[in-house]
Structures are given as structure tokens and as C-alpha cells.
N, C-alpha and C. Protein backbone atom coordinates (compact mmCIF):
# COMPACT_ATOMS: atom_id res chain seq x y z
N MET A 1 16.18 1.17 -2.77
CA MET A 1 14.85 1.65 -2.47
C MET A 1 13.86 1.04 -3.46
N LYS A 2 12.76 0.55 -2.93
CA LYS A 2 11.69 0.03 -3.77
C LYS A 2 10.51 0.99 -3.73
N ILE A 3 9.79 1.08 -4.84
CA ILE A 3 8.55 1.83 -4.90
C ILE A 3 7.46 0.81 -5.23
N ILE A 4 6.60 0.58 -4.26
CA ILE A 4 5.55 -0.43 -4.39
C ILE A 4 4.22 0.29 -4.47
N GLY A 5 3.45 -0.01 -5.50
CA GLY A 5 2.17 0.66 -5.68
C GLY A 5 1.00 -0.28 -5.50
N ILE A 6 -0.03 0.23 -4.87
CA ILE A 6 -1.29 -0.50 -4.77
C ILE A 6 -2.33 0.41 -5.40
N THR A 7 -2.73 0.02 -6.60
CA THR A 7 -3.65 0.85 -7.37
C THR A 7 -4.93 0.09 -7.67
N TYR A 8 -5.91 0.84 -8.09
CA TYR A 8 -7.20 0.26 -8.43
C TYR A 8 -7.52 0.74 -9.84
N TYR A 9 -7.69 -0.20 -10.74
CA TYR A 9 -7.99 0.14 -12.12
C TYR A 9 -9.10 -0.77 -12.59
N ASP A 10 -10.13 -0.20 -13.13
CA ASP A 10 -11.30 -0.98 -13.58
C ASP A 10 -11.85 -1.87 -12.47
N GLY A 11 -11.84 -1.37 -11.25
CA GLY A 11 -12.45 -2.09 -10.14
C GLY A 11 -11.62 -3.19 -9.51
N SER A 12 -10.38 -3.39 -9.97
CA SER A 12 -9.56 -4.45 -9.38
C SER A 12 -8.30 -3.87 -8.75
N GLU A 13 -7.85 -4.51 -7.67
CA GLU A 13 -6.63 -4.07 -7.00
C GLU A 13 -5.43 -4.64 -7.74
N ASN A 14 -4.40 -3.81 -7.91
CA ASN A 14 -3.19 -4.24 -8.59
C ASN A 14 -1.98 -3.80 -7.78
N ILE A 15 -1.00 -4.67 -7.69
CA ILE A 15 0.27 -4.37 -7.03
C ILE A 15 1.30 -4.16 -8.13
N VAL A 16 1.99 -3.01 -8.10
CA VAL A 16 2.97 -2.71 -9.13
C VAL A 16 4.28 -2.27 -8.48
N LEU A 17 5.37 -2.44 -9.20
CA LEU A 17 6.69 -1.98 -8.75
C LEU A 17 7.20 -0.95 -9.75
N LYS A 18 7.80 0.08 -9.23
CA LYS A 18 8.43 1.09 -10.08
C LYS A 18 9.88 1.26 -9.65
N SER A 19 10.71 1.68 -10.58
CA SER A 19 12.11 1.95 -10.24
C SER A 19 12.22 3.35 -9.64
N ASP A 20 13.33 3.63 -9.01
CA ASP A 20 13.50 4.96 -8.42
C ASP A 20 13.54 6.06 -9.47
N SER A 21 13.86 5.73 -10.72
CA SER A 21 13.87 6.75 -11.78
C SER A 21 12.45 7.16 -12.19
N SER A 22 11.45 6.45 -11.72
CA SER A 22 10.08 6.83 -12.05
C SER A 22 9.57 7.95 -11.14
N MET A 23 10.35 8.34 -10.16
CA MET A 23 9.92 9.34 -9.18
C MET A 23 10.35 10.75 -9.58
N LEU A 24 9.38 11.67 -9.56
CA LEU A 24 9.64 13.10 -9.77
C LEU A 24 9.65 13.78 -8.41
N VAL A 25 10.70 14.51 -8.12
CA VAL A 25 10.78 15.25 -6.85
C VAL A 25 11.23 16.68 -7.12
N ASN A 26 11.15 17.52 -6.11
CA ASN A 26 11.65 18.90 -6.18
C ASN A 26 11.06 19.70 -7.33
N ARG A 27 9.76 19.54 -7.56
CA ARG A 27 9.03 20.33 -8.56
C ARG A 27 9.54 20.12 -9.99
N LYS A 28 10.14 18.99 -10.24
CA LYS A 28 10.61 18.69 -11.60
C LYS A 28 9.40 18.42 -12.50
N PRO A 29 9.44 18.86 -13.75
CA PRO A 29 8.32 18.59 -14.66
C PRO A 29 8.34 17.15 -15.17
N LEU A 30 7.19 16.69 -15.60
CA LEU A 30 7.09 15.39 -16.25
C LEU A 30 7.22 15.61 -17.75
N PHE A 31 8.29 15.11 -18.34
CA PHE A 31 8.46 15.16 -19.78
C PHE A 31 7.82 13.88 -20.34
N VAL A 32 6.67 14.03 -20.95
CA VAL A 32 5.89 12.89 -21.41
C VAL A 32 6.55 12.28 -22.64
N PRO A 33 6.91 10.99 -22.59
CA PRO A 33 7.49 10.35 -23.77
C PRO A 33 6.52 10.39 -24.95
N GLU A 34 7.06 10.47 -26.16
CA GLU A 34 6.22 10.58 -27.36
C GLU A 34 5.26 9.42 -27.53
N TRP A 35 5.64 8.23 -27.11
CA TRP A 35 4.83 7.03 -27.32
C TRP A 35 3.63 6.93 -26.37
N VAL A 36 3.54 7.80 -25.37
CA VAL A 36 2.52 7.66 -24.33
C VAL A 36 1.09 7.80 -24.85
N GLY A 37 0.82 8.71 -25.75
CA GLY A 37 -0.57 8.91 -26.19
C GLY A 37 -1.36 9.61 -25.10
N ARG A 38 -2.49 9.02 -24.69
CA ARG A 38 -3.31 9.62 -23.62
C ARG A 38 -2.63 9.42 -22.27
N LEU A 39 -2.35 10.53 -21.60
CA LEU A 39 -1.76 10.48 -20.27
C LEU A 39 -2.87 10.65 -19.24
N GLN A 40 -2.95 9.72 -18.30
CA GLN A 40 -3.91 9.84 -17.22
C GLN A 40 -3.17 9.77 -15.90
N ALA A 41 -3.84 10.21 -14.83
CA ALA A 41 -3.22 10.23 -13.51
C ALA A 41 -4.23 9.85 -12.44
N LEU A 42 -3.71 9.22 -11.41
CA LEU A 42 -4.49 8.93 -10.21
C LEU A 42 -3.80 9.62 -9.03
N PRO A 43 -4.54 10.40 -8.25
CA PRO A 43 -3.93 10.93 -7.03
C PRO A 43 -3.69 9.78 -6.06
N CYS A 44 -2.64 9.90 -5.28
CA CYS A 44 -2.33 8.82 -4.35
C CYS A 44 -1.69 9.36 -3.08
N TYR A 45 -1.72 8.52 -2.07
CA TYR A 45 -0.98 8.75 -0.83
C TYR A 45 0.30 7.95 -0.94
N VAL A 46 1.41 8.51 -0.49
CA VAL A 46 2.68 7.80 -0.52
C VAL A 46 3.18 7.66 0.91
N LEU A 47 3.43 6.44 1.33
CA LEU A 47 3.91 6.15 2.68
C LEU A 47 5.41 5.91 2.63
N ARG A 48 6.13 6.47 3.60
CA ARG A 48 7.57 6.23 3.70
C ARG A 48 7.81 5.16 4.77
N VAL A 49 8.38 4.05 4.36
CA VAL A 49 8.63 2.94 5.27
C VAL A 49 9.77 3.32 6.22
N SER A 50 9.58 3.01 7.50
CA SER A 50 10.55 3.44 8.51
C SER A 50 11.33 2.29 9.16
N ARG A 51 10.96 1.04 8.84
CA ARG A 51 11.69 -0.09 9.42
C ARG A 51 11.50 -1.34 8.58
N LEU A 52 12.37 -2.30 8.81
CA LEU A 52 12.37 -3.57 8.10
C LEU A 52 11.19 -4.42 8.53
N GLY A 53 10.52 -5.07 7.56
CA GLY A 53 9.40 -5.93 7.91
C GLY A 53 9.02 -6.89 6.80
N LYS A 54 8.49 -8.02 7.19
CA LYS A 54 8.02 -9.04 6.25
C LYS A 54 6.77 -9.66 6.84
N CYS A 55 5.74 -9.84 6.00
CA CYS A 55 4.47 -10.46 6.43
C CYS A 55 3.90 -9.78 7.69
N ILE A 56 3.76 -8.47 7.62
CA ILE A 56 3.29 -7.68 8.75
C ILE A 56 1.77 -7.79 8.85
N ALA A 57 1.30 -8.05 10.04
CA ALA A 57 -0.15 -8.08 10.28
C ALA A 57 -0.69 -6.65 10.25
N PRO A 58 -1.87 -6.43 9.69
CA PRO A 58 -2.43 -5.08 9.60
C PRO A 58 -2.47 -4.34 10.94
N ARG A 59 -2.69 -5.05 12.04
CA ARG A 59 -2.78 -4.37 13.33
C ARG A 59 -1.44 -3.78 13.80
N PHE A 60 -0.32 -4.25 13.24
CA PHE A 60 0.99 -3.73 13.59
C PHE A 60 1.56 -2.80 12.52
N ALA A 61 0.90 -2.68 11.41
CA ALA A 61 1.45 -1.97 10.24
C ALA A 61 1.70 -0.49 10.48
N SER A 62 0.95 0.15 11.37
CA SER A 62 1.16 1.59 11.60
C SER A 62 2.55 1.87 12.17
N ARG A 63 3.21 0.88 12.69
CA ARG A 63 4.57 1.04 13.22
C ARG A 63 5.63 1.08 12.12
N TYR A 64 5.23 0.76 10.88
CA TYR A 64 6.20 0.59 9.81
C TYR A 64 6.29 1.76 8.84
N PHE A 65 5.56 2.85 9.08
CA PHE A 65 5.74 4.05 8.25
C PHE A 65 5.72 5.28 9.15
N ASP A 66 6.53 6.28 8.77
CA ASP A 66 6.67 7.45 9.62
C ASP A 66 6.25 8.76 8.96
N ALA A 67 5.92 8.73 7.68
CA ALA A 67 5.53 9.96 6.99
C ALA A 67 4.64 9.61 5.80
N VAL A 68 3.83 10.60 5.42
CA VAL A 68 2.92 10.46 4.28
C VAL A 68 3.08 11.68 3.39
N ALA A 69 3.02 11.47 2.10
CA ALA A 69 3.04 12.57 1.13
C ALA A 69 1.91 12.35 0.14
N THR A 70 1.50 13.41 -0.53
CA THR A 70 0.57 13.24 -1.63
C THR A 70 1.40 12.94 -2.87
N GLY A 71 0.80 12.26 -3.81
CA GLY A 71 1.50 11.92 -5.03
C GLY A 71 0.54 11.84 -6.20
N MET A 72 1.08 11.76 -7.40
CA MET A 72 0.30 11.56 -8.61
C MET A 72 0.95 10.41 -9.37
N ASP A 73 0.15 9.40 -9.64
CA ASP A 73 0.60 8.22 -10.38
C ASP A 73 0.16 8.40 -11.83
N PHE A 74 1.12 8.67 -12.70
CA PHE A 74 0.84 8.89 -14.12
C PHE A 74 0.96 7.57 -14.89
N PHE A 75 0.12 7.40 -15.91
CA PHE A 75 0.22 6.20 -16.73
C PHE A 75 -0.26 6.48 -18.15
N ALA A 76 0.23 5.64 -19.07
CA ALA A 76 -0.15 5.73 -20.48
C ALA A 76 -1.42 4.90 -20.67
N ALA A 77 -2.56 5.57 -20.74
CA ALA A 77 -3.86 4.89 -20.75
C ALA A 77 -4.03 3.95 -21.94
N ASP A 78 -3.64 4.36 -23.14
CA ASP A 78 -3.82 3.52 -24.32
C ASP A 78 -2.98 2.24 -24.23
N GLN A 79 -1.71 2.38 -23.82
CA GLN A 79 -0.83 1.22 -23.70
C GLN A 79 -1.30 0.28 -22.59
N LEU A 80 -1.82 0.85 -21.50
CA LEU A 80 -2.33 0.03 -20.41
C LEU A 80 -3.54 -0.79 -20.86
N HIS A 81 -4.43 -0.15 -21.57
CA HIS A 81 -5.63 -0.85 -22.06
C HIS A 81 -5.23 -1.97 -23.02
N GLU A 82 -4.31 -1.69 -23.92
CA GLU A 82 -3.86 -2.70 -24.88
C GLU A 82 -3.16 -3.87 -24.18
N ALA A 83 -2.32 -3.56 -23.19
CA ALA A 83 -1.63 -4.61 -22.44
C ALA A 83 -2.63 -5.50 -21.70
N GLN A 84 -3.66 -4.88 -21.15
CA GLN A 84 -4.69 -5.66 -20.45
C GLN A 84 -5.42 -6.59 -21.41
N LEU A 85 -5.79 -6.07 -22.57
CA LEU A 85 -6.50 -6.89 -23.55
C LEU A 85 -5.67 -8.08 -24.03
N GLN A 86 -4.37 -7.85 -24.19
CA GLN A 86 -3.49 -8.90 -24.72
C GLN A 86 -2.88 -9.77 -23.62
N GLY A 87 -3.17 -9.45 -22.37
CA GLY A 87 -2.61 -10.22 -21.26
C GLY A 87 -1.12 -10.03 -21.09
N LYS A 88 -0.60 -8.88 -21.50
CA LYS A 88 0.83 -8.60 -21.40
C LYS A 88 1.13 -7.81 -20.12
N ALA A 89 2.42 -7.69 -19.83
CA ALA A 89 2.87 -6.92 -18.66
C ALA A 89 2.53 -5.45 -18.84
N TRP A 90 2.24 -4.79 -17.74
CA TRP A 90 1.86 -3.38 -17.77
C TRP A 90 3.05 -2.44 -17.60
N THR A 91 4.23 -2.97 -17.44
CA THR A 91 5.39 -2.18 -17.03
C THR A 91 5.60 -0.92 -17.86
N GLN A 92 5.60 -1.03 -19.17
CA GLN A 92 5.85 0.14 -20.00
C GLN A 92 4.79 1.22 -19.78
N ALA A 93 3.55 0.82 -19.59
CA ALA A 93 2.46 1.78 -19.46
C ALA A 93 2.44 2.49 -18.11
N ILE A 94 2.96 1.85 -17.07
CA ILE A 94 2.82 2.44 -15.73
C ILE A 94 4.12 2.81 -15.05
N ALA A 95 5.26 2.33 -15.52
CA ALA A 95 6.51 2.54 -14.79
C ALA A 95 7.57 3.28 -15.59
N PHE A 96 7.15 4.15 -16.50
CA PHE A 96 8.13 4.90 -17.27
C PHE A 96 8.76 5.99 -16.40
N GLU A 97 9.87 6.55 -16.87
CA GLU A 97 10.59 7.55 -16.10
C GLU A 97 9.70 8.76 -15.82
N GLY A 98 9.63 9.14 -14.55
CA GLY A 98 8.83 10.29 -14.15
C GLY A 98 7.36 9.98 -13.93
N SER A 99 7.01 8.72 -13.80
CA SER A 99 5.58 8.37 -13.72
C SER A 99 4.97 8.46 -12.33
N LEU A 100 5.73 8.95 -11.35
CA LEU A 100 5.19 9.16 -10.01
C LEU A 100 5.71 10.48 -9.47
N ALA A 101 4.81 11.46 -9.31
CA ALA A 101 5.19 12.74 -8.71
C ALA A 101 5.01 12.62 -7.21
N LEU A 102 5.97 13.12 -6.47
CA LEU A 102 5.97 13.00 -5.02
C LEU A 102 5.96 14.39 -4.39
N GLY A 103 5.04 14.60 -3.46
CA GLY A 103 4.93 15.88 -2.76
C GLY A 103 5.78 15.93 -1.50
N GLU A 104 5.52 16.94 -0.68
CA GLU A 104 6.26 17.14 0.56
C GLU A 104 5.83 16.14 1.63
N TRP A 105 6.80 15.62 2.36
CA TRP A 105 6.50 14.67 3.43
C TRP A 105 5.87 15.37 4.61
N GLN A 106 4.89 14.70 5.21
CA GLN A 106 4.23 15.16 6.42
C GLN A 106 4.35 14.04 7.44
N SER A 107 4.74 14.38 8.67
CA SER A 107 4.90 13.33 9.67
C SER A 107 3.55 12.81 10.14
N VAL A 108 3.54 11.60 10.65
CA VAL A 108 2.31 11.01 11.18
C VAL A 108 2.42 10.94 12.70
N PRO A 109 1.34 11.08 13.44
CA PRO A 109 -0.03 11.30 12.96
C PRO A 109 -0.19 12.73 12.47
N MET A 110 -1.15 12.91 11.59
CA MET A 110 -1.38 14.21 10.98
C MET A 110 -2.70 14.78 11.47
N PRO A 111 -2.81 16.11 11.43
CA PRO A 111 -4.08 16.72 11.86
C PRO A 111 -5.19 16.39 10.86
N GLU A 112 -6.42 16.40 11.36
CA GLU A 112 -7.58 16.18 10.50
C GLU A 112 -7.73 17.38 9.56
N SER A 113 -7.76 17.13 8.29
CA SER A 113 -8.03 18.18 7.31
C SER A 113 -8.25 17.52 5.96
N ARG A 114 -8.47 18.35 4.95
CA ARG A 114 -8.71 17.85 3.60
C ARG A 114 -7.68 18.48 2.68
N TRP A 115 -7.28 17.73 1.62
CA TRP A 115 -6.37 18.30 0.65
C TRP A 115 -7.06 18.39 -0.69
N GLN A 116 -6.68 19.42 -1.41
CA GLN A 116 -7.28 19.69 -2.71
C GLN A 116 -6.35 19.23 -3.81
N LEU A 117 -6.94 18.73 -4.87
CA LEU A 117 -6.20 18.44 -6.09
C LEU A 117 -6.61 19.48 -7.11
N LEU A 118 -5.63 20.13 -7.69
CA LEU A 118 -5.89 21.21 -8.63
C LEU A 118 -5.23 20.93 -9.96
N ARG A 119 -5.94 21.22 -11.04
CA ARG A 119 -5.37 21.15 -12.38
C ARG A 119 -5.53 22.52 -12.98
N ASN A 120 -4.43 23.15 -13.31
CA ASN A 120 -4.42 24.50 -13.88
C ASN A 120 -5.18 25.50 -12.99
N GLY A 121 -5.01 25.34 -11.68
CA GLY A 121 -5.63 26.26 -10.73
C GLY A 121 -7.07 25.96 -10.36
N GLU A 122 -7.71 25.02 -11.05
CA GLU A 122 -9.09 24.68 -10.75
C GLU A 122 -9.14 23.39 -9.95
N GLN A 123 -9.97 23.37 -8.92
CA GLN A 123 -10.08 22.19 -8.07
C GLN A 123 -10.74 21.04 -8.83
N VAL A 124 -10.06 19.90 -8.85
CA VAL A 124 -10.59 18.69 -9.47
C VAL A 124 -11.36 17.88 -8.43
N CYS A 125 -10.78 17.76 -7.24
CA CYS A 125 -11.46 17.07 -6.15
C CYS A 125 -10.80 17.46 -4.83
N GLU A 126 -11.45 17.04 -3.75
CA GLU A 126 -10.94 17.27 -2.42
C GLU A 126 -11.02 15.94 -1.68
N LEU A 127 -9.93 15.59 -0.99
CA LEU A 127 -9.85 14.30 -0.31
C LEU A 127 -9.44 14.48 1.15
N ASP A 128 -9.80 13.51 1.99
CA ASP A 128 -9.35 13.54 3.38
C ASP A 128 -7.84 13.41 3.41
N TRP A 129 -7.17 14.24 4.20
CA TRP A 129 -5.72 14.16 4.30
C TRP A 129 -5.35 12.85 4.97
N MET A 130 -6.06 12.49 6.00
CA MET A 130 -5.79 11.22 6.66
C MET A 130 -7.05 10.39 6.57
N PRO A 131 -7.16 9.54 5.55
CA PRO A 131 -8.35 8.71 5.44
C PRO A 131 -8.35 7.67 6.56
N ASP A 132 -9.25 6.77 6.51
CA ASP A 132 -9.32 5.69 7.48
C ASP A 132 -7.91 5.06 7.57
N PRO A 133 -7.29 5.08 8.77
CA PRO A 133 -5.92 4.54 8.90
C PRO A 133 -5.80 3.08 8.46
N ASP A 134 -6.90 2.36 8.47
CA ASP A 134 -6.85 0.97 8.02
C ASP A 134 -6.42 0.85 6.56
N ILE A 135 -6.71 1.87 5.75
CA ILE A 135 -6.29 1.84 4.35
C ILE A 135 -4.78 1.76 4.27
N PHE A 136 -4.08 2.59 5.05
CA PHE A 136 -2.62 2.58 5.04
C PHE A 136 -2.08 1.27 5.63
N CYS A 137 -2.69 0.81 6.71
CA CYS A 137 -2.23 -0.42 7.35
C CYS A 137 -2.42 -1.63 6.43
N GLN A 138 -3.54 -1.67 5.71
CA GLN A 138 -3.77 -2.75 4.76
C GLN A 138 -2.73 -2.70 3.63
N ALA A 139 -2.38 -1.48 3.19
CA ALA A 139 -1.39 -1.33 2.11
C ALA A 139 -0.02 -1.85 2.56
N VAL A 140 0.39 -1.49 3.78
CA VAL A 140 1.67 -1.96 4.30
C VAL A 140 1.65 -3.48 4.43
N ALA A 141 0.55 -4.02 4.94
CA ALA A 141 0.45 -5.47 5.10
C ALA A 141 0.51 -6.17 3.74
N ARG A 142 -0.23 -5.65 2.75
CA ARG A 142 -0.22 -6.27 1.40
C ARG A 142 1.18 -6.23 0.79
N ALA A 143 1.82 -5.07 0.88
CA ALA A 143 3.17 -4.94 0.30
C ALA A 143 4.16 -5.88 1.00
N SER A 144 4.08 -5.96 2.33
CA SER A 144 5.05 -6.78 3.07
C SER A 144 4.78 -8.27 2.91
N ASN A 145 3.60 -8.64 2.47
CA ASN A 145 3.34 -10.06 2.20
C ASN A 145 3.96 -10.49 0.88
N LEU A 146 4.22 -9.54 0.00
CA LEU A 146 4.86 -9.86 -1.29
C LEU A 146 6.38 -9.72 -1.24
N LEU A 147 6.85 -8.68 -0.55
CA LEU A 147 8.27 -8.35 -0.51
C LEU A 147 8.66 -7.92 0.90
N THR A 148 9.91 -8.11 1.23
CA THR A 148 10.42 -7.54 2.47
C THR A 148 10.52 -6.04 2.27
N ILE A 149 9.88 -5.28 3.16
CA ILE A 149 9.99 -3.82 3.05
C ILE A 149 11.12 -3.34 3.96
N ARG A 150 11.81 -2.30 3.50
CA ARG A 150 12.97 -1.78 4.22
C ARG A 150 12.83 -0.28 4.42
N GLN A 151 13.56 0.23 5.38
CA GLN A 151 13.55 1.66 5.65
C GLN A 151 13.89 2.41 4.36
N GLY A 152 13.06 3.41 4.03
CA GLY A 152 13.28 4.21 2.83
C GLY A 152 12.44 3.77 1.64
N ASP A 153 11.90 2.56 1.67
CA ASP A 153 10.99 2.13 0.60
C ASP A 153 9.74 3.01 0.62
N LEU A 154 9.09 3.10 -0.51
CA LEU A 154 7.86 3.88 -0.63
C LEU A 154 6.72 2.96 -1.03
N ILE A 155 5.57 3.19 -0.44
CA ILE A 155 4.36 2.45 -0.80
C ILE A 155 3.33 3.49 -1.18
N TYR A 156 2.85 3.44 -2.42
CA TYR A 156 1.81 4.40 -2.78
C TYR A 156 0.48 3.70 -2.96
N VAL A 157 -0.56 4.40 -2.54
CA VAL A 157 -1.91 3.87 -2.51
C VAL A 157 -2.82 4.84 -3.25
N ALA A 158 -3.55 4.36 -4.21
CA ALA A 158 -4.48 5.22 -4.96
C ALA A 158 -5.48 5.84 -4.00
N ALA A 159 -5.69 7.15 -4.14
CA ALA A 159 -6.63 7.87 -3.27
C ALA A 159 -8.04 7.82 -3.82
N GLN A 160 -8.18 7.55 -5.10
CA GLN A 160 -9.50 7.41 -5.71
C GLN A 160 -9.36 6.49 -6.91
N GLN A 161 -10.47 6.02 -7.42
CA GLN A 161 -10.43 5.04 -8.49
C GLN A 161 -10.60 5.63 -9.88
N GLN A 162 -11.05 6.85 -9.98
CA GLN A 162 -11.28 7.45 -11.29
C GLN A 162 -10.08 8.28 -11.73
N PRO A 163 -9.35 7.84 -12.76
CA PRO A 163 -8.22 8.65 -13.24
C PRO A 163 -8.71 9.88 -13.99
N TRP A 164 -7.85 10.87 -14.12
CA TRP A 164 -8.21 12.02 -14.93
C TRP A 164 -7.17 12.28 -15.99
N GLN A 165 -7.66 12.80 -17.08
CA GLN A 165 -6.88 13.05 -18.29
C GLN A 165 -6.00 14.28 -18.10
N LEU A 166 -4.76 14.21 -18.59
CA LEU A 166 -3.85 15.35 -18.56
C LEU A 166 -3.30 15.57 -19.96
N ILE A 167 -2.97 16.82 -20.25
CA ILE A 167 -2.37 17.17 -21.53
C ILE A 167 -1.14 18.04 -21.29
N THR A 168 -0.36 18.25 -22.33
CA THR A 168 0.83 19.07 -22.25
C THR A 168 0.47 20.46 -21.73
N ASP A 169 1.32 20.99 -20.88
CA ASP A 169 1.20 22.30 -20.24
C ASP A 169 0.20 22.35 -19.08
N ASP A 170 -0.42 21.23 -18.74
CA ASP A 170 -1.23 21.20 -17.52
C ASP A 170 -0.29 21.34 -16.32
N ILE A 171 -0.80 21.96 -15.28
CA ILE A 171 -0.08 22.05 -14.01
C ILE A 171 -0.94 21.38 -12.96
N VAL A 172 -0.35 20.39 -12.29
CA VAL A 172 -1.05 19.62 -11.27
C VAL A 172 -0.48 20.02 -9.92
N ARG A 173 -1.38 20.29 -8.98
CA ARG A 173 -0.96 20.66 -7.63
C ARG A 173 -1.84 19.95 -6.61
N SER A 174 -1.28 19.72 -5.44
CA SER A 174 -2.09 19.31 -4.30
C SER A 174 -1.71 20.23 -3.16
N ALA A 175 -2.70 20.54 -2.33
CA ALA A 175 -2.45 21.50 -1.26
C ALA A 175 -3.38 21.26 -0.08
N LEU A 176 -2.83 21.49 1.10
CA LEU A 176 -3.63 21.61 2.32
C LEU A 176 -3.94 23.10 2.45
N PRO A 177 -4.86 23.48 3.33
CA PRO A 177 -5.08 24.92 3.52
C PRO A 177 -3.75 25.62 3.86
N ASN A 178 -3.39 26.59 3.08
CA ASN A 178 -2.18 27.42 3.27
C ASN A 178 -0.86 26.67 3.07
N THR A 179 -0.87 25.46 2.53
CA THR A 179 0.37 24.71 2.33
C THR A 179 0.32 23.95 1.02
N GLU A 180 1.25 24.28 0.11
CA GLU A 180 1.34 23.50 -1.13
C GLU A 180 2.14 22.23 -0.85
N LEU A 181 1.61 21.10 -1.27
CA LEU A 181 2.26 19.82 -1.03
C LEU A 181 2.97 19.29 -2.27
N LEU A 182 2.38 19.49 -3.44
CA LEU A 182 2.92 18.93 -4.67
C LEU A 182 2.67 19.90 -5.81
N TYR A 183 3.66 20.01 -6.68
CA TYR A 183 3.55 20.83 -7.90
C TYR A 183 4.22 20.06 -9.01
N CYS A 184 3.52 19.91 -10.14
CA CYS A 184 4.11 19.19 -11.27
C CYS A 184 3.55 19.78 -12.57
N LYS A 185 4.45 20.16 -13.47
CA LYS A 185 4.06 20.65 -14.78
C LYS A 185 4.25 19.52 -15.78
N ILE A 186 3.27 19.37 -16.68
CA ILE A 186 3.34 18.35 -17.71
C ILE A 186 3.93 18.99 -18.96
N LYS A 187 5.01 18.43 -19.48
CA LYS A 187 5.66 18.98 -20.68
C LYS A 187 5.73 17.93 -21.77
């Protein structure tokens, strides 16, 4: 299984790969490594790939994923900034163990609604549950132009460009009306 990320940082699109050990599931907490320093997070949509594909045209991409989940992409902000300045790889800053929290899968197509992002019970923002479908199709097309995607691979797409700061004992949740999608405690 591959985890392919399409994120936006400082106004530029970036394609990243994470190992399966970077995924948090089943309400597991994120144990922040000591070296991380400032921990930041970007809310994201996570697509579950449902079939094999390579160089998929955007108009056919909706056929290649069968479910969407909310997620949180965690990263070490200080190490990322330093790696960018020095022109080094970002791997340590963005792909450490537990750096992607994954919520409950929802089948597609999904009903029109909005999901809330909450930190310690307070709403941080509210996003469309199903944004413009072209965003997902473009993500699948971009990922498949770099790598062959296979059933079970995950593609995550940043839901917004502004990361938010997290500290120890924060609780991050995402929810639809009457349905919790993701829960993650920072330790």
C-alpha cells in the first residue's frame, strides 16, 4: 500500500510519499517524537483507490476511488522550514510515524453537507464534505502520472492551505452533523 500526498505549503503544490506506519487509525493517539518541536497540521481528504491505473486522465479519475475519509496531515514545522531553506529532503519533517490521522470511510457519492474541524471541542473551521469533484479527480490524475496506483493505495489532498498549531494534550476531531469521523489525541 502506498500513501501519496498532494499538499500545498507556502503556495506551492507538493507531492509526498508516506509509509504505512505513518498512518494513525482506530482512534490511536499521536505520540509526538521529541525532535519535532512545533507540530502543525493540515486537514485533508483521503481517497481510497479502488483499481489499478497509470497516467489516468482527469475525466476518468472518478472511476478510480470508491471512498473518502477526513484526515489530518501532521508535520514538524521547524524541520520542514529548515529543510526547505537548505534544499534538503522533507521526509523526516513530514513522514514520521503517526503523521497522518485517518477518519472513518464514507462511500462515494456522498450527500451534500459540511464537516467541522474541532480542536479541544472548539470549531477551528468548517469545510464542504464533497468539494468540487474536480479536486479529487485532479489528485488521482497527478498521483497516477507519477506512480502506478493500485487498489488499497491512499491519496490525501490538503483541504486548506493554512496549517494550524497543535500542542500536547490537544484533541483533534472532525465530524459531520451527528457523526464523528475522526478523533486523535496529541501526546
